[in-house]
PDB file of N, CA and C in Angstrom:
ATOM      1  N   MET A   1       9.658 -22.216   1.001  1.00  0.00           N
ATOM      2  CA  MET A   1      10.123 -21.083   1.125  1.00  0.00           C
ATOM      3  C   MET A   1      11.772 -21.395   0.433  1.00  0.00           C
ATOM      4  N   ASN A   2      11.926 -21.904  -0.637  1.00  0.00           N
ATOM      5  CA  ASN A   2      12.691 -22.962  -0.830  1.00  0.00           C
ATOM      6  C   ASN A   2      13.367 -21.540  -2.080  1.00  0.00           C
ATOM      7  N   GLU A   3      13.018 -20.733  -2.741  1.00  0.00           N
ATOM      8  CA  GLU A   3      13.086 -19.799  -3.714  1.00  0.00           C
ATOM      9  C   GLU A   3      13.782 -18.636  -2.813  1.00  0.00           C
ATOM     10  N   HIS A   4      14.845 -18.388  -3.717  1.00  0.00           N
ATOM     11  CA  HIS A   4      15.463 -17.168  -3.270  1.00  0.00           C
ATOM     12  C   HIS A   4      14.926 -16.301  -3.721  1.00  0.00           C
ATOM     13  N   LEU A   5      14.609 -15.131  -2.715  1.00  0.00           N
ATOM     14  CA  LEU A   5      14.449 -13.433  -3.395  1.00  0.00           C
ATOM     15  C   LEU A   5      15.691 -12.844  -3.513  1.00  0.00           C
ATOM     16  N   VAL A   6      16.029 -12.390  -4.484  1.00  0.00           N
ATOM     17  CA  VAL A   6      17.070 -11.271  -5.380  1.00  0.00           C
ATOM     18  C   VAL A   6      16.843  -9.961  -5.312  1.00  0.00           C
ATOM     19  N   ILE A   7      16.792  -9.296  -4.464  1.00  0.00           N
ATOM     20  CA  ILE A   7      16.641  -7.600  -4.147  1.00  0.00           C
ATOM     21  C   ILE A   7      17.706  -6.958  -4.958  1.00  0.00           C
ATOM     22  N   PRO A   8      17.727  -6.407  -5.950  1.00  0.00           N
ATOM     23  CA  PRO A   8      18.643  -5.292  -6.307  1.00  0.00           C
ATOM     24  C   PRO A   8      19.396  -4.606  -5.540  1.00  0.00           C
ATOM     25  N   ARG A   9      21.037  -4.729  -6.137  1.00  0.00           N
ATOM     26  CA  ARG A   9      21.741  -3.424  -4.618  1.00  0.00           C
ATOM     27  C   ARG A   9      21.100  -2.253  -4.845  1.00  0.00           C
ATOM     28  N   GLY A  10      21.111  -1.725  -3.803  1.00  0.00           N
ATOM     29  CA  GLY A  10      20.326  -0.487  -3.497  1.00  0.00           C
ATOM     30  C   GLY A  10      19.033  -0.112  -3.479  1.00  0.00           C
ATOM     31  N   HIS A  11      18.216  -1.286  -3.222  1.00  0.00           N
ATOM     32  CA  HIS A  11      16.848  -1.665  -3.020  1.00  0.00           C
ATOM     33  C   HIS A  11      16.796  -2.385  -1.315  1.00  0.00           C
ATOM     34  N   ARG A  12      15.432  -2.287  -0.802  1.00  0.00           N
ATOM     35  CA  ARG A  12      15.249  -3.520  -0.272  1.00  0.00           C
ATOM     36  C   ARG A  12      14.003  -3.993  -0.135  1.00  0.00           C
ATOM     37  N   VAL A  13      13.306  -4.713   0.913  1.00  0.00           N
ATOM     38  CA  VAL A  13      11.832  -4.412   0.717  1.00  0.00           C
ATOM     39  C   VAL A  13      10.982  -3.612   0.922  1.00  0.00           C
ATOM     40  N   HIS A  14       9.662  -3.477   0.585  1.00  0.00           N
ATOM     41  CA  HIS A  14       9.118  -2.176   0.741  1.00  0.00           C
ATOM     42  C   HIS A  14       7.998  -2.569   1.354  1.00  0.00           C
ATOM     43  N   TRP A  15       8.134  -2.658   3.351  1.00  0.00           N
ATOM     44  CA  TRP A  15       7.494  -2.911   4.113  1.00  0.00           C
ATOM     45  C   TRP A  15       6.432  -2.410   4.050  1.00  0.00           C
ATOM     46  N   PHE A  16       6.327  -0.976   3.668  1.00  0.00           N
ATOM     47  CA  PHE A  16       4.989  -0.413   3.982  1.00  0.00           C
ATOM     48  C   PHE A  16       4.127  -0.880   3.053  1.00  0.00           C
ATOM     49  N   ARG A  17       4.652  -1.205   1.771  1.00  0.00           N
ATOM     50  CA  ARG A  17       3.831  -1.592   0.944  1.00  0.00           C
ATOM     51  C   ARG A  17       3.243  -3.221   1.184  1.00  0.00           C
ATOM     52  N   VAL A  18       4.289  -3.714   1.702  1.00  0.00           N
ATOM     53  CA  VAL A  18       3.675  -5.623   1.932  1.00  0.00           C
ATOM     54  C   VAL A  18       2.824  -5.451   2.654  1.00  0.00           C
ATOM     55  N   ILE A  19       2.901  -4.743   3.825  1.00  0.00           N
ATOM     56  CA  ILE A  19       1.634  -4.564   5.140  1.00  0.00           C
ATOM     57  C   ILE A  19       0.594  -3.997   4.967  1.00  0.00           C
ATOM     58  N   CYS A  20       0.608  -2.947   4.060  1.00  0.00           N
ATOM     59  CA  CYS A  20      -0.487  -2.470   3.197  1.00  0.00           C
ATOM     60  C   CYS A  20      -1.550  -3.627   2.731  1.00  0.00           C
ATOM     61  N   GLU A  21      -0.337  -3.910   1.649  1.00  0.00           N
ATOM     62  CA  GLU A  21      -0.873  -4.756   0.357  1.00  0.00           C
ATOM     63  C   GLU A  21      -2.343  -6.306   1.248  1.00  0.00           C
ATOM     64  N   ILE A  22      -1.040  -6.155   2.562  1.00  0.00           N
ATOM     65  CA  ILE A  22      -1.870  -7.786   2.788  1.00  0.00           C
ATOM     66  C   ILE A  22      -3.029  -7.143   3.722  1.00  0.00           C
ATOM     67  N   VAL A  23      -2.969  -6.116   4.089  1.00  0.00           N
ATOM     68  CA  VAL A  23      -4.364  -5.526   5.047  1.00  0.00           C
ATOM     69  C   VAL A  23      -5.327  -4.849   3.921  1.00  0.00           C
ATOM     70  N   ALA A  24      -5.270  -4.789   2.393  1.00  0.00           N
ATOM     71  CA  ALA A  24      -5.757  -4.453   1.921  1.00  0.00           C
ATOM     72  C   ALA A  24      -6.844  -5.668   1.451  1.00  0.00           C
ATOM     73  N   ALA A  25      -5.468  -7.141   1.558  1.00  0.00           N
ATOM     74  CA  ALA A  25      -6.561  -7.875   1.463  1.00  0.00           C
ATOM     75  C   ALA A  25      -7.533  -8.993   2.111  1.00  0.00           C
ATOM     76  N   ASP A  26      -7.679  -8.539   3.317  1.00  0.00           N
ATOM     77  CA  ASP A  26      -8.504  -8.192   4.349  1.00  0.00           C
ATOM     78  C   ASP A  26      -8.557  -8.922   5.604  1.00  0.00           C
ATOM     79  N   LEU A  27      -6.448  -8.606   5.899  1.00  0.00           N
ATOM     80  CA  LEU A  27      -6.312  -9.366   7.243  1.00  0.00           C
ATOM     81  C   LEU A  27      -6.057  -7.789   7.831  1.00  0.00           C
ATOM     82  N   THR A  28      -6.478  -7.481   9.193  1.00  0.00           N
ATOM     83  CA  THR A  28      -6.309  -6.709   9.847  1.00  0.00           C
ATOM     84  C   THR A  28      -4.403  -7.089  10.305  1.00  0.00           C
ATOM     85  N   LEU A  29      -4.063  -5.605  10.847  1.00  0.00           N
ATOM     86  CA  LEU A  29      -2.479  -5.495  11.426  1.00  0.00           C
ATOM     87  C   LEU A  29      -2.666  -6.214  12.480  1.00  0.00           C
ATOM     88  N   GLN A  30      -3.984  -6.599  13.554  1.00  0.00           N
ATOM     89  CA  GLN A  30      -3.890  -7.653  14.509  1.00  0.00           C
ATOM     90  C   GLN A  30      -3.583  -8.933  13.953  1.00  0.00           C
ATOM     91  N   ALA A  31      -4.113  -9.349  13.005  1.00  0.00           N
ATOM     92  CA  ALA A  31      -4.554 -10.742  12.929  1.00  0.00           C
ATOM     93  C   ALA A  31      -2.830 -11.295  12.158  1.00  0.00           C
ATOM     94  N   ILE A  32      -2.186 -10.477  11.399  1.00  0.00           N
ATOM     95  CA  ILE A  32      -1.158 -10.390  11.114  1.00  0.00           C
ATOM     96  C   ILE A  32      -0.103 -10.187  12.489  1.00  0.00           C
ATOM     97  N   ALA A  33       0.116  -9.676  13.033  1.00  0.00           N
ATOM     98  CA  ALA A  33       0.530  -9.290  14.591  1.00  0.00           C
ATOM     99  C   ALA A  33       0.490 -10.603  15.555  1.00  0.00           C
ATOM    100  N   ASP A  34      -0.768 -11.645  15.012  1.00  0.00           N
ATOM    101  CA  ASP A  34      -1.042 -12.600  16.059  1.00  0.00           C
ATOM    102  C   ASP A  34      -0.171 -13.697  15.073  1.00  0.00           C
ATOM    103  N   GLU A  35      -0.238 -13.812  14.000  1.00  0.00           N
ATOM    104  CA  GLU A  35       0.354 -14.900  12.982  1.00  0.00           C
ATOM    105  C   GLU A  35       1.576 -14.733  13.116  1.00  0.00           C
ATOM    106  N   LEU A  36       2.391 -14.002  13.334  1.00  0.00           N
ATOM    107  CA  LEU A  36       3.919 -13.716  13.275  1.00  0.00           C
ATOM    108  C   LEU A  36       3.917 -13.391  15.008  1.00  0.00           C
ATOM    109  N   ASP A  37       2.945 -13.713  15.822  1.00  0.00           N
ATOM    110  CA  ASP A  37       3.204 -13.914  17.555  1.00  0.00           C
ATOM    111  C   ASP A  37       4.321 -12.742  17.662  1.00  0.00           C
ATOM    112  N   VAL A  38       3.793 -11.828  17.269  1.00  0.00           N
ATOM    113  CA  VAL A  38       4.664 -10.370  17.533  1.00  0.00           C
ATOM    114  C   VAL A  38       3.511  -9.402  17.754  1.00  0.00           C
ATOM    115  N   THR A  39       3.874  -8.737  18.809  1.00  0.00           N
ATOM    116  CA  THR A  39       2.766  -7.176  19.157  1.00  0.00           C
ATOM    117  C   THR A  39       2.237  -6.247  17.715  1.00  0.00           C
ATOM    118  N   HIS A  40       0.546  -6.006  17.984  1.00  0.00           N
ATOM    119  CA  HIS A  40       0.417  -4.970  17.005  1.00  0.00           C
ATOM    120  C   HIS A  40       1.121  -3.813  16.665  1.00  0.00           C
ATOM    121  N   LYS A  41       1.979  -3.127  18.121  1.00  0.00           N
ATOM    122  CA  LYS A  41       2.647  -2.112  18.164  1.00  0.00           C
ATOM    123  C   LYS A  41       3.698  -2.561  16.931  1.00  0.00           C
ATOM    124  N   THR A  42       4.136  -3.939  17.188  1.00  0.00           N
ATOM    125  CA  THR A  42       5.441  -4.193  16.120  1.00  0.00           C
ATOM    126  C   THR A  42       5.233  -3.463  14.340  1.00  0.00           C
ATOM    127  N   VAL A  43       4.131  -4.512  14.457  1.00  0.00           N
ATOM    128  CA  VAL A  43       3.806  -4.504  12.540  1.00  0.00           C
ATOM    129  C   VAL A  43       3.121  -2.979  12.624  1.00  0.00           C
ATOM    130  N   ARG A  44       3.186  -2.150  13.425  1.00  0.00           N
ATOM    131  CA  ARG A  44       2.823  -0.877  13.193  1.00  0.00           C
ATOM    132  C   ARG A  44       3.840   0.030  12.951  1.00  0.00           C
ATOM    133  N   ASP A  45       4.997  -0.461  13.791  1.00  0.00           N
ATOM    134  CA  ASP A  45       6.556   0.125  13.584  1.00  0.00           C
ATOM    135  C   ASP A  45       7.015  -0.433  12.050  1.00  0.00           C
ATOM    136  N   TRP A  46       6.557  -1.942  11.612  1.00  0.00           N
ATOM    137  CA  TRP A  46       7.646  -2.274  10.322  1.00  0.00           C
ATOM    138  C   TRP A  46       6.520  -1.172   9.493  1.00  0.00           C
ATOM    139  N   ARG A  47       5.314  -1.114   9.772  1.00  0.00           N
ATOM    140  CA  ARG A  47       4.761  -0.237   8.393  1.00  0.00           C
ATOM    141  C   ARG A  47       5.427   0.840   8.628  1.00  0.00           C
ATOM    142  N   ASP A  48       5.766   1.696   9.667  1.00  0.00           N
ATOM    143  CA  ASP A  48       6.250   3.278   9.706  1.00  0.00           C
ATOM    144  C   ASP A  48       7.375   3.193   9.062  1.00  0.00           C
ATOM    145  N   GLY A  49       8.611   2.339   8.584  1.00  0.00           N
ATOM    146  CA  GLY A  49       9.366   2.403   8.532  1.00  0.00           C
ATOM    147  C   GLY A  49      10.750   1.464   9.301  1.00  0.00           C
ATOM    148  N   ALA A  50       9.858   0.939  10.633  1.00  0.00           N
ATOM    149  CA  ALA A  50      11.505  -0.117  11.325  1.00  0.00           C
ATOM    150  C   ALA A  50      11.605  -1.395  10.258  1.00  0.00           C
ATOM    151  N   HIS A  51      12.310  -2.372  10.392  1.00  0.00           N
ATOM    152  CA  HIS A  51      12.800  -3.433   9.741  1.00  0.00           C
ATOM    153  C   HIS A  51      11.973  -4.629  10.526  1.00  0.00           C
ATOM    154  N   PRO A  52      11.728  -5.656   9.837  1.00  0.00           N
ATOM    155  CA  PRO A  52      11.519  -6.761  10.697  1.00  0.00           C
ATOM    156  C   PRO A  52      12.827  -7.540  10.925  1.00  0.00           C
ATOM    157  N   ARG A  53      12.972  -8.113  12.117  1.00  0.00           N
ATOM    158  CA  ARG A  53      13.963  -9.485  11.431  1.00  0.00           C
ATOM    159  C   ARG A  53      14.083 -10.300  10.622  1.00  0.00           C
ATOM    160  N   HIS A  54      14.925 -10.826  10.328  1.00  0.00           N
ATOM    161  CA  HIS A  54      14.401 -12.039   8.953  1.00  0.00           C
ATOM    162  C   HIS A  54      13.843 -12.963   8.898  1.00  0.00           C
ATOM    163  N   ALA A  55      13.538 -13.556   9.992  1.00  0.00           N
ATOM    164  CA  ALA A  55      12.034 -14.191  10.650  1.00  0.00           C
ATOM    165  C   ALA A  55      11.283 -13.845   9.971  1.00  0.00           C
ATOM    166  N   ASP A  56      10.778 -13.055  10.709  1.00  0.00           N
ATOM    167  CA  ASP A  56       9.622 -12.048  11.044  1.00  0.00           C
ATOM    168  C   ASP A  56       9.816 -11.862   9.124  1.00  0.00           C
ATOM    169  N   GLY A  57      10.337 -10.886   9.002  1.00  0.00           N
ATOM    170  CA  GLY A  57      10.358 -10.483   7.138  1.00  0.00           C
ATOM    171  C   GLY A  57      10.066 -11.658   5.844  1.00  0.00           C
ATOM    172  N   GLU A  58      10.786 -13.268   5.994  1.00  0.00           N
ATOM    173  CA  GLU A  58      10.285 -13.803   5.798  1.00  0.00           C
ATOM    174  C   GLU A  58       8.841 -14.753   5.908  1.00  0.00           C
ATOM    175  N   LYS A  59       8.614 -14.711   7.172  1.00  0.00           N
ATOM    176  CA  LYS A  59       7.111 -14.938   7.306  1.00  0.00           C
ATOM    177  C   LYS A  59       6.195 -13.766   6.545  1.00  0.00           C
ATOM    178  N   LEU A  60       6.163 -12.122   6.464  1.00  0.00           N
ATOM    179  CA  LEU A  60       5.420 -11.223   6.173  1.00  0.00           C
ATOM    180  C   LEU A  60       5.290 -11.446   4.469  1.00  0.00           C
ATOM    181  N   ILE A  61       6.805 -11.982   3.959  1.00  0.00           N
ATOM    182  CA  ILE A  61       6.930 -11.795   2.799  1.00  0.00           C
ATOM    183  C   ILE A  61       5.620 -13.241   1.951  1.00  0.00           C
ATOM    184  N   ALA A  62       5.707 -14.409   2.951  1.00  0.00           N
ATOM    185  CA  ALA A  62       5.082 -15.189   2.595  1.00  0.00           C
ATOM    186  C   ALA A  62       3.212 -14.901   2.724  1.00  0.00           C
ATOM    187  N   MET A  63       2.959 -14.176   3.830  1.00  0.00           N
ATOM    188  CA  MET A  63       1.694 -13.796   3.906  1.00  0.00           C
ATOM    189  C   MET A  63       1.522 -12.909   2.613  1.00  0.00           C
ATOM    190  N   TRP A  64       2.385 -11.957   2.313  1.00  0.00           N
ATOM    191  CA  TRP A  64       2.123 -11.455   1.222  1.00  0.00           C
ATOM    192  C   TRP A  64       1.844 -11.901  -0.051  1.00  0.00           C
ATOM    193  N   CYS A  65       2.184 -13.013  -0.317  1.00  0.00           N
ATOM    194  CA  CYS A  65       2.789 -13.678  -1.564  1.00  0.00           C
ATOM    195  C   CYS A  65       1.111 -14.613  -1.627  1.00  0.00           C
ATOM    196  N   GLU A  66       1.256 -15.046  -0.295  1.00  0.00           N
ATOM    197  CA  GLU A  66      -0.672 -15.839  -0.295  1.00  0.00           C
ATOM    198  C   GLU A  66      -1.623 -15.115   0.048  1.00  0.00           C
ATOM    199  N   ALA A  67      -1.989 -13.582   0.229  1.00  0.00           N
ATOM    200  CA  ALA A  67      -2.625 -12.786   0.200  1.00  0.00           C
ATOM    201  C   ALA A  67      -2.767 -11.939  -1.167  1.00  0.00           C
ATOM    202  N   ARG A  68      -1.615 -12.207  -2.426  1.00  0.00           N
ATOM    203  CA  ARG A  68      -1.428 -11.354  -3.328  1.00  0.00           C
ATOM    204  C   ARG A  68      -2.021 -12.371  -4.502  1.00  0.00           C
ATOM    205  N   HIS A  69      -1.730 -13.739  -4.260  1.00  0.00           N
ATOM    206  CA  HIS A  69      -1.864 -14.645  -5.131  1.00  0.00           C
ATOM    207  C   HIS A  69      -0.320 -14.638  -5.933  1.00  0.00           C
ATOM    208  N   LEU A  70       0.754 -13.670  -5.687  1.00  0.00           N
ATOM    209  CA  LEU A  70       2.184 -13.645  -6.309  1.00  0.00           C
ATOM    210  C   LEU A  70       3.281 -14.587  -6.224  1.00  0.00           C
ATOM    211  N   GLU A  71       4.279 -14.341  -6.569  1.00  0.00           N
ATOM    212  CA  GLU A  71       5.494 -14.930  -6.243  1.00  0.00           C
ATOM    213  C   GLU A  71       6.339 -14.643  -5.390  1.00  0.00           C
ATOM    214  N   ARG A  72       7.160 -14.573  -4.422  1.00  0.00           N
ATOM    215  CA  ARG A  72       8.000 -13.903  -3.618  1.00  0.00           C
ATOM    216  C   ARG A  72       9.067 -12.909  -4.598  1.00  0.00           C
ATOM    217  N   ALA A  73       9.309 -13.112  -5.993  1.00  0.00           N
ATOM    218  CA  ALA A  73      10.006 -12.404  -6.550  1.00  0.00           C
ATOM    219  C   ALA A  73       9.492 -11.059  -7.552  1.00  0.00           C
ATOM    220  N   GLN A  74       8.364 -11.099  -6.791  1.00  0.00           N
ATOM    221  CA  GLN A  74       7.429  -9.944  -7.155  1.00  0.00           C
ATOM    222  C   GLN A  74       7.356  -9.094  -6.000  1.00  0.00           C
ATOM    223  N   VAL A  75       8.007  -9.388  -5.119  1.00  0.00           N
ATOM    224  CA  VAL A  75       7.428  -8.378  -3.803  1.00  0.00           C
ATOM    225  C   VAL A  75       8.167  -6.860  -3.903  1.00  0.00           C
ATOM    226  N   PRO A  76       7.290  -6.295  -3.175  1.00  0.00           N
ATOM    227  CA  PRO A  76       8.159  -4.641  -3.436  1.00  0.00           C
ATOM    228  C   PRO A  76       9.184  -4.456  -3.382  1.00  0.00           C
ATOM    229  N   VAL A  77       9.788  -3.327  -3.823  1.00  0.00           N
ATOM    230  CA  VAL A  77      10.598  -3.235  -3.561  1.00  0.00           C
ATOM    231  C   VAL A  77      11.007  -1.644  -3.797  1.00  0.00           C
ATOM    232  N   ILE A  78      11.746  -1.112  -2.632  1.00  0.00           N
ATOM    233  CA  ILE A  78      11.918   0.352  -2.776  1.00  0.00           C
ATOM    234  C   ILE A  78      13.776   0.843  -2.645  1.00  0.00           C
ATOM    235  N   SER A  79      13.725   2.302  -3.462  1.00  0.00           N
ATOM    236  CA  SER A  79      15.675   2.118  -3.181  1.00  0.00           C
ATOM    237  C   SER A  79      15.713   2.665  -2.166  1.00  0.00           C
ATOM    238  N   GLU A  80      16.757   2.359  -1.593  1.00  0.00           N
ATOM    239  CA  GLU A  80      17.322   2.597  -0.308  1.00  0.00           C
ATOM    240  C   GLU A  80      17.673   4.240  -0.244  1.00  0.00           C
ATOM    241  N   PHE A  81      17.637   5.136  -1.239  1.00  0.00           N
ATOM    242  CA  PHE A  81      17.806   6.079  -1.629  1.00  0.00           C
ATOM    243  C   PHE A  81      16.455   7.093  -2.101  1.00  0.00           C
ATOM    244  N   ASP A  82      15.565   6.140  -1.596  1.00  0.00           N
ATOM    245  CA  ASP A  82      14.433   6.961  -1.633  1.00  0.00           C
ATOM    246  C   ASP A  82      13.829   7.551  -0.613  1.00  0.00           C
ATOM    247  N   PHE A  83      12.966   8.961  -0.910  1.00  0.00           N
ATOM    248  CA  PHE A  83      12.655   9.632   0.308  1.00  0.00           C
ATOM    249  C   PHE A  83      11.941   9.025   1.405  1.00  0.00           C
ATOM    250  N   THR A  84      11.132   8.364   0.843  1.00  0.00           N
ATOM    251  CA  THR A  84       9.943   7.601   1.629  1.00  0.00           C
ATOM    252  C   THR A  84      11.006   6.495   2.359  1.00  0.00           C
ATOM    253  N   ALA A  85      12.218   5.956   1.768  1.00  0.00           N
ATOM    254  CA  ALA A  85      12.597   4.474   1.936  1.00  0.00           C
ATOM    255  C   ALA A  85      13.189   4.577   3.847  1.00  0.00           C
TER     256      ALA A  85
END
């Protein structure tokens, strides 16, 4: 995890997509919660718009990279001004 993730100004990680894409790779919300040592509700809250703490976000990004076989630089981002953000 030494690679820095550069997110353009005015954008943030699109946690909904990150979590949904991990789930699409055959992990459940509970499996994600177990891996991160948080509750199922916490993961559901992140999916639904809450922001994870930095350390949990880093772990989610690492899980996404592994599930999608992609690099950190490819993590989905969304504009902070998007109505769904």
